[in-house]
Amino acid sequence: MTGLELLPRKAFELTLSDGTKVQGQFGTWALSRFGQKRKLGLNDLMAVFSENPQLSDMIDFVLCAVEYKERQTGLPATFNDLKFAQWIDDYTAATGEPGVLMVLFNHASREEDKPDEKKSQDNLAGVNSLELPAVQE
């Protein structure tokens, strides 16, 4: 059955209609890869996601998150925009829930639950992380 599991640290797992599992994870590398593919600087990246993101932008960003996991695990890159669009259609048909792409996109921008945040050198000049604005469903 087609499914979606949202995991900690902005990771996710898609289950395709044939039972195949596809993992992805949003983060610095996925955002950097998206900018590289689109030839966008940091300000342009923020504009793409904060104004009115195009469907193709959202799909490509999710595919960058999947590419991250494929590279991290050494798996061959076989998941593409056609397979992802088919998964969206299958998921919507199976669950009756439209907006699954928005759920994934908002997962990328959600803040993690943090116990007691400690100040450290990792917290460079008060900049915690690059957060993408959430898009309304």
N, C-alpha and C. Protein backbone atom coordinates (compact mmCIF):
# COMPACT_ATOMS: atom_id res chain seq x y z
N MET A 1 0.84 -1.19 0.00
CA MET A 1 0.00 0.00 0.00
C MET A 1 0.88 1.25 0.00
N THR A 2 0.43 2.24 -0.70
CA THR A 2 1.14 3.52 -0.78
C THR A 2 1.11 4.19 0.58
N GLY A 3 2.26 4.74 1.00
CA GLY A 3 2.29 5.36 2.32
C GLY A 3 3.37 6.42 2.44
N LEU A 4 3.29 7.15 3.54
CA LEU A 4 4.24 8.19 3.88
C LEU A 4 4.50 8.12 5.38
N GLU A 5 5.77 8.09 5.74
CA GLU A 5 6.15 8.15 7.14
C GLU A 5 7.09 9.33 7.32
N LEU A 6 6.69 10.27 8.18
CA LEU A 6 7.54 11.42 8.51
C LEU A 6 8.40 11.03 9.69
N LEU A 7 9.70 11.15 9.54
CA LEU A 7 10.65 10.70 10.54
C LEU A 7 11.37 11.88 11.18
N PRO A 8 12.06 11.64 12.30
CA PRO A 8 12.82 12.72 12.94
C PRO A 8 13.92 13.26 12.01
N ARG A 9 14.40 14.44 12.35
CA ARG A 9 15.49 15.11 11.63
C ARG A 9 15.15 15.36 10.17
N LYS A 10 13.87 15.63 9.92
CA LYS A 10 13.37 15.99 8.60
C LYS A 10 13.53 14.88 7.56
N ALA A 11 13.59 13.65 8.04
CA ALA A 11 13.67 12.50 7.15
C ALA A 11 12.25 12.00 6.87
N PHE A 12 12.12 11.21 5.82
CA PHE A 12 10.82 10.65 5.47
C PHE A 12 11.02 9.36 4.69
N GLU A 13 9.96 8.57 4.64
CA GLU A 13 9.99 7.34 3.85
C GLU A 13 8.68 7.22 3.09
N LEU A 14 8.80 7.07 1.79
CA LEU A 14 7.65 6.87 0.92
C LEU A 14 7.53 5.38 0.65
N THR A 15 6.33 4.87 0.66
CA THR A 15 6.09 3.49 0.24
C THR A 15 5.33 3.56 -1.07
N LEU A 16 5.94 3.01 -2.11
CA LEU A 16 5.32 3.02 -3.43
C LEU A 16 4.26 1.93 -3.51
N SER A 17 3.43 1.98 -4.52
CA SER A 17 2.32 1.03 -4.64
C SER A 17 2.80 -0.42 -4.76
N ASP A 18 4.04 -0.64 -5.24
CA ASP A 18 4.58 -2.00 -5.33
C ASP A 18 5.29 -2.44 -4.06
N GLY A 19 5.24 -1.60 -3.01
CA GLY A 19 5.86 -1.93 -1.73
C GLY A 19 7.29 -1.42 -1.57
N THR A 20 7.87 -0.89 -2.64
CA THR A 20 9.22 -0.34 -2.58
C THR A 20 9.26 0.85 -1.63
N LYS A 21 10.31 0.91 -0.81
CA LYS A 21 10.51 2.03 0.13
C LYS A 21 11.53 3.00 -0.47
N VAL A 22 11.22 4.28 -0.40
CA VAL A 22 12.12 5.33 -0.87
C VAL A 22 12.33 6.29 0.28
N GLN A 23 13.58 6.48 0.66
CA GLN A 23 13.89 7.36 1.79
C GLN A 23 14.43 8.69 1.29
N GLY A 24 14.21 9.73 2.09
CA GLY A 24 14.75 11.05 1.80
C GLY A 24 14.98 11.79 3.10
N GLN A 25 15.77 12.85 3.01
CA GLN A 25 16.00 13.68 4.19
C GLN A 25 16.32 15.10 3.74
N PHE A 26 15.53 16.03 4.25
CA PHE A 26 15.76 17.45 3.98
C PHE A 26 16.89 17.93 4.88
N GLY A 27 17.66 18.86 4.39
CA GLY A 27 18.75 19.42 5.18
C GLY A 27 19.61 20.30 4.30
N THR A 28 20.77 20.62 4.81
CA THR A 28 21.68 21.53 4.12
C THR A 28 22.05 21.02 2.74
N TRP A 29 22.40 19.72 2.64
CA TRP A 29 22.82 19.20 1.35
C TRP A 29 21.69 19.25 0.33
N ALA A 30 20.48 18.87 0.72
CA ALA A 30 19.35 18.88 -0.20
C ALA A 30 19.05 20.30 -0.68
N LEU A 31 19.11 21.25 0.24
CA LEU A 31 18.87 22.65 -0.13
C LEU A 31 19.98 23.15 -1.06
N SER A 32 21.22 22.80 -0.74
CA SER A 32 22.35 23.20 -1.58
C SER A 32 22.23 22.58 -2.97
N ARG A 33 21.86 21.32 -3.03
CA ARG A 33 21.71 20.63 -4.32
C ARG A 33 20.60 21.26 -5.14
N PHE A 34 19.50 21.61 -4.50
CA PHE A 34 18.40 22.27 -5.19
C PHE A 34 18.89 23.60 -5.79
N GLY A 35 19.61 24.39 -4.99
CA GLY A 35 20.15 25.67 -5.47
C GLY A 35 21.12 25.47 -6.61
N GLN A 36 21.95 24.44 -6.52
CA GLN A 36 22.93 24.14 -7.56
C GLN A 36 22.22 23.78 -8.87
N LYS A 37 21.20 22.93 -8.78
CA LYS A 37 20.48 22.51 -9.98
C LYS A 37 19.74 23.68 -10.64
N ARG A 38 19.24 24.58 -9.81
CA ARG A 38 18.47 25.72 -10.33
C ARG A 38 19.32 26.96 -10.55
N LYS A 39 20.62 26.86 -10.20
CA LYS A 39 21.55 28.00 -10.32
C LYS A 39 21.04 29.21 -9.53
N LEU A 40 20.73 28.95 -8.24
CA LEU A 40 20.18 29.97 -7.36
C LEU A 40 21.14 30.24 -6.21
N GLY A 41 21.30 31.51 -5.85
CA GLY A 41 22.03 31.88 -4.65
C GLY A 41 21.13 31.78 -3.44
N LEU A 42 21.69 32.04 -2.26
CA LEU A 42 20.93 31.91 -1.02
C LEU A 42 19.69 32.81 -0.99
N ASN A 43 19.83 34.06 -1.38
CA ASN A 43 18.67 34.97 -1.38
C ASN A 43 17.60 34.49 -2.35
N ASP A 44 18.03 34.00 -3.50
CA ASP A 44 17.07 33.50 -4.49
C ASP A 44 16.37 32.23 -3.97
N LEU A 45 17.13 31.39 -3.27
CA LEU A 45 16.52 30.19 -2.68
C LEU A 45 15.42 30.56 -1.70
N MET A 46 15.71 31.51 -0.84
CA MET A 46 14.71 31.93 0.14
C MET A 46 13.48 32.52 -0.55
N ALA A 47 13.69 33.25 -1.62
CA ALA A 47 12.57 33.84 -2.36
C ALA A 47 11.70 32.75 -2.99
N VAL A 48 12.34 31.72 -3.55
CA VAL A 48 11.59 30.63 -4.18
C VAL A 48 10.64 29.99 -3.18
N PHE A 49 11.12 29.76 -1.96
CA PHE A 49 10.31 29.05 -0.99
C PHE A 49 9.41 29.95 -0.15
N SER A 50 9.69 31.24 -0.09
CA SER A 50 8.89 32.08 0.78
C SER A 50 7.73 32.76 0.06
N GLU A 51 7.85 32.95 -1.22
CA GLU A 51 6.80 33.64 -1.95
C GLU A 51 5.70 32.66 -2.36
N ASN A 52 5.77 32.18 -3.54
CA ASN A 52 4.75 31.26 -4.04
C ASN A 52 5.45 30.13 -4.79
N PRO A 53 5.87 29.09 -4.07
CA PRO A 53 6.64 28.04 -4.74
C PRO A 53 5.84 27.37 -5.85
N GLN A 54 6.52 27.08 -6.93
CA GLN A 54 5.92 26.36 -8.04
C GLN A 54 5.89 24.87 -7.72
N LEU A 55 4.96 24.17 -8.30
CA LEU A 55 4.87 22.73 -8.10
C LEU A 55 6.19 22.05 -8.47
N SER A 56 6.78 22.48 -9.57
CA SER A 56 8.04 21.86 -10.01
C SER A 56 9.16 22.11 -9.00
N ASP A 57 9.15 23.28 -8.32
CA ASP A 57 10.15 23.56 -7.29
C ASP A 57 10.00 22.59 -6.12
N MET A 58 8.77 22.39 -5.70
CA MET A 58 8.51 21.52 -4.56
C MET A 58 8.89 20.07 -4.88
N ILE A 59 8.54 19.62 -6.07
CA ILE A 59 8.88 18.26 -6.48
C ILE A 59 10.39 18.10 -6.55
N ASP A 60 11.07 19.07 -7.15
CA ASP A 60 12.52 18.97 -7.30
C ASP A 60 13.22 19.00 -5.94
N PHE A 61 12.71 19.77 -4.99
CA PHE A 61 13.31 19.83 -3.66
C PHE A 61 13.17 18.47 -2.95
N VAL A 62 12.01 17.84 -3.08
CA VAL A 62 11.84 16.51 -2.50
C VAL A 62 12.80 15.52 -3.17
N LEU A 63 12.95 15.61 -4.48
CA LEU A 63 13.88 14.72 -5.18
C LEU A 63 15.32 14.95 -4.74
N CYS A 64 15.68 16.18 -4.39
CA CYS A 64 17.02 16.45 -3.85
C CYS A 64 17.19 15.76 -2.49
N ALA A 65 16.13 15.74 -1.69
CA ALA A 65 16.18 15.06 -0.39
C ALA A 65 16.33 13.55 -0.58
N VAL A 66 15.68 13.01 -1.61
CA VAL A 66 15.82 11.58 -1.92
C VAL A 66 17.23 11.30 -2.43
N GLU A 67 17.74 12.18 -3.28
CA GLU A 67 19.11 12.01 -3.80
C GLU A 67 20.13 11.99 -2.66
N TYR A 68 19.89 12.83 -1.64
CA TYR A 68 20.78 12.84 -0.48
C TYR A 68 20.88 11.45 0.14
N LYS A 69 19.73 10.83 0.38
CA LYS A 69 19.72 9.50 1.00
C LYS A 69 20.34 8.45 0.07
N GLU A 70 20.07 8.56 -1.23
CA GLU A 70 20.66 7.61 -2.17
C GLU A 70 22.17 7.70 -2.15
N ARG A 71 22.70 8.91 -2.16
CA ARG A 71 24.16 9.09 -2.13
C ARG A 71 24.73 8.64 -0.79
N GLN A 72 24.03 8.95 0.29
CA GLN A 72 24.51 8.60 1.63
C GLN A 72 24.62 7.08 1.79
N THR A 73 23.66 6.37 1.24
CA THR A 73 23.63 4.92 1.40
C THR A 73 24.30 4.18 0.25
N GLY A 74 24.69 4.90 -0.80
CA GLY A 74 25.34 4.27 -1.95
C GLY A 74 24.38 3.55 -2.88
N LEU A 75 23.08 3.80 -2.73
CA LEU A 75 22.10 3.18 -3.61
C LEU A 75 22.10 3.88 -4.97
N PRO A 76 21.77 3.15 -6.02
CA PRO A 76 21.69 3.80 -7.33
C PRO A 76 20.49 4.75 -7.37
N ALA A 77 20.64 5.83 -8.09
CA ALA A 77 19.56 6.83 -8.21
C ALA A 77 18.54 6.34 -9.24
N THR A 78 17.42 5.84 -8.77
CA THR A 78 16.38 5.34 -9.67
C THR A 78 15.06 6.08 -9.52
N PHE A 79 14.90 6.82 -8.44
CA PHE A 79 13.65 7.54 -8.19
C PHE A 79 13.73 8.87 -8.92
N ASN A 80 12.70 9.19 -9.70
CA ASN A 80 12.72 10.41 -10.49
C ASN A 80 11.39 11.14 -10.39
N ASP A 81 11.28 12.25 -11.13
CA ASP A 81 10.08 13.08 -11.05
C ASP A 81 8.83 12.33 -11.52
N LEU A 82 8.96 11.48 -12.51
CA LEU A 82 7.81 10.71 -12.99
C LEU A 82 7.32 9.74 -11.91
N LYS A 83 8.24 9.01 -11.28
CA LYS A 83 7.88 8.08 -10.22
C LYS A 83 7.30 8.81 -9.01
N PHE A 84 7.86 9.98 -8.71
CA PHE A 84 7.35 10.74 -7.57
C PHE A 84 5.94 11.26 -7.85
N ALA A 85 5.71 11.78 -9.05
CA ALA A 85 4.36 12.25 -9.41
C ALA A 85 3.36 11.10 -9.36
N GLN A 86 3.78 9.91 -9.80
CA GLN A 86 2.90 8.74 -9.74
C GLN A 86 2.60 8.39 -8.28
N TRP A 87 3.63 8.48 -7.40
CA TRP A 87 3.41 8.21 -5.98
C TRP A 87 2.40 9.19 -5.39
N ILE A 88 2.52 10.48 -5.74
CA ILE A 88 1.56 11.48 -5.25
C ILE A 88 0.14 11.09 -5.67
N ASP A 89 -0.04 10.75 -6.94
CA ASP A 89 -1.37 10.35 -7.44
C ASP A 89 -1.87 9.09 -6.75
N ASP A 90 -0.99 8.10 -6.58
CA ASP A 90 -1.38 6.85 -5.92
C ASP A 90 -1.76 7.10 -4.45
N TYR A 91 -0.96 7.93 -3.77
CA TYR A 91 -1.22 8.23 -2.36
C TYR A 91 -2.58 8.92 -2.21
N THR A 92 -2.83 9.89 -3.07
CA THR A 92 -4.09 10.64 -3.01
C THR A 92 -5.27 9.72 -3.29
N ALA A 93 -5.13 8.84 -4.27
CA ALA A 93 -6.21 7.90 -4.60
C ALA A 93 -6.45 6.90 -3.47
N ALA A 94 -5.38 6.43 -2.86
CA ALA A 94 -5.50 5.42 -1.80
C ALA A 94 -6.04 5.99 -0.50
N THR A 95 -5.66 7.22 -0.17
CA THR A 95 -6.04 7.78 1.12
C THR A 95 -7.18 8.78 1.04
N GLY A 96 -7.43 9.32 -0.14
CA GLY A 96 -8.43 10.37 -0.28
C GLY A 96 -7.97 11.69 0.29
N GLU A 97 -6.68 11.77 0.62
CA GLU A 97 -6.12 12.99 1.22
C GLU A 97 -5.30 13.75 0.18
N PRO A 98 -5.83 14.88 -0.30
CA PRO A 98 -5.03 15.71 -1.20
C PRO A 98 -4.00 16.50 -0.38
N GLY A 99 -3.02 17.02 -1.04
CA GLY A 99 -2.07 17.88 -0.34
C GLY A 99 -0.88 17.16 0.27
N VAL A 100 -0.58 15.93 -0.14
CA VAL A 100 0.53 15.20 0.45
C VAL A 100 1.86 15.89 0.13
N LEU A 101 1.95 16.54 -1.00
CA LEU A 101 3.18 17.27 -1.33
C LEU A 101 3.39 18.41 -0.35
N MET A 102 2.31 19.07 0.05
CA MET A 102 2.40 20.16 1.02
C MET A 102 2.84 19.61 2.39
N VAL A 103 2.36 18.43 2.74
CA VAL A 103 2.76 17.81 4.00
C VAL A 103 4.27 17.57 4.00
N LEU A 104 4.78 17.03 2.91
CA LEU A 104 6.23 16.78 2.80
C LEU A 104 7.01 18.09 2.83
N PHE A 105 6.55 19.06 2.06
CA PHE A 105 7.24 20.35 1.98
C PHE A 105 7.27 21.03 3.35
N ASN A 106 6.16 20.97 4.08
CA ASN A 106 6.11 21.56 5.42
C ASN A 106 6.96 20.78 6.41
N HIS A 107 7.14 19.49 6.19
CA HIS A 107 8.03 18.69 7.04
C HIS A 107 9.46 19.21 6.93
N ALA A 108 9.82 19.68 5.74
CA ALA A 108 11.17 20.24 5.53
C ALA A 108 11.37 21.52 6.34
N SER A 109 10.31 22.26 6.56
CA SER A 109 10.45 23.55 7.23
C SER A 109 10.08 23.52 8.71
N ARG A 110 9.64 22.36 9.18
CA ARG A 110 9.21 22.29 10.59
C ARG A 110 10.43 22.28 11.50
N GLU A 111 10.25 22.93 12.63
CA GLU A 111 11.33 22.96 13.62
C GLU A 111 11.29 21.70 14.45
N GLU A 112 12.45 21.14 14.68
CA GLU A 112 12.55 19.94 15.50
C GLU A 112 12.25 20.27 16.96
N ASP A 113 11.69 19.30 17.65
CA ASP A 113 11.53 19.45 19.09
C ASP A 113 12.91 19.34 19.72
N LYS A 114 13.30 20.37 20.45
CA LYS A 114 14.63 20.38 21.04
C LYS A 114 14.48 20.36 22.55
N PRO A 115 15.19 19.45 23.24
CA PRO A 115 15.12 19.46 24.70
C PRO A 115 15.59 20.82 25.21
N ASP A 116 16.64 20.93 25.89
CA ASP A 116 17.18 22.20 26.32
C ASP A 116 18.30 22.58 25.39
N GLU A 117 18.04 23.62 24.57
CA GLU A 117 19.05 24.03 23.61
C GLU A 117 20.23 24.65 24.35
N LYS A 118 21.42 24.15 24.05
CA LYS A 118 22.62 24.66 24.69
C LYS A 118 23.36 25.56 23.72
N LYS A 119 23.96 26.60 24.23
CA LYS A 119 24.77 27.48 23.41
C LYS A 119 26.10 26.80 23.16
N SER A 120 26.58 26.86 21.95
CA SER A 120 27.86 26.25 21.63
C SER A 120 28.48 26.96 20.45
N GLN A 121 29.66 26.54 20.08
CA GLN A 121 30.32 27.11 18.92
C GLN A 121 29.57 26.74 17.65
N ASP A 122 28.78 25.67 17.71
CA ASP A 122 28.00 25.29 16.54
C ASP A 122 26.92 26.33 16.24
N ASN A 123 26.57 27.09 17.23
CA ASN A 123 25.55 28.11 17.09
C ASN A 123 26.23 29.40 16.61
N LEU A 124 26.69 29.41 15.39
CA LEU A 124 27.51 30.48 14.84
C LEU A 124 26.80 31.83 14.89
N ALA A 125 27.35 32.72 15.69
CA ALA A 125 26.86 34.11 15.78
C ALA A 125 25.34 34.18 15.91
N GLY A 126 24.77 33.22 16.61
CA GLY A 126 23.33 33.26 16.86
C GLY A 126 22.48 32.69 15.73
N VAL A 127 23.11 32.21 14.65
CA VAL A 127 22.35 31.63 13.55
C VAL A 127 22.19 30.14 13.82
N ASN A 128 20.97 29.72 14.08
CA ASN A 128 20.72 28.32 14.41
C ASN A 128 20.68 27.44 13.18
N SER A 129 19.84 27.77 12.24
CA SER A 129 19.72 26.96 11.04
C SER A 129 18.92 27.73 10.01
N LEU A 130 18.94 27.27 8.82
CA LEU A 130 18.16 27.86 7.76
C LEU A 130 16.80 27.18 7.76
N GLU A 131 15.79 27.91 8.08
CA GLU A 131 14.44 27.37 8.13
C GLU A 131 13.65 27.89 6.94
N LEU A 132 12.99 27.01 6.23
CA LEU A 132 12.14 27.40 5.13
C LEU A 132 10.77 27.76 5.67
N PRO A 133 10.15 28.77 5.12
CA PRO A 133 8.80 29.11 5.58
C PRO A 133 7.81 28.01 5.23
N ALA A 134 6.87 27.76 6.12
CA ALA A 134 5.84 26.76 5.86
C ALA A 134 4.86 27.30 4.83
N VAL A 135 4.34 26.41 4.00
CA VAL A 135 3.36 26.77 3.01
C VAL A 135 2.01 26.27 3.48
N GLN A 136 0.99 27.11 3.38
CA GLN A 136 -0.32 26.71 3.85
C GLN A 136 -0.91 25.67 2.93
N GLU A 137 -1.59 24.69 3.54
CA GLU A 137 -2.21 23.61 2.75
C GLU A 137 -3.52 24.06 2.18
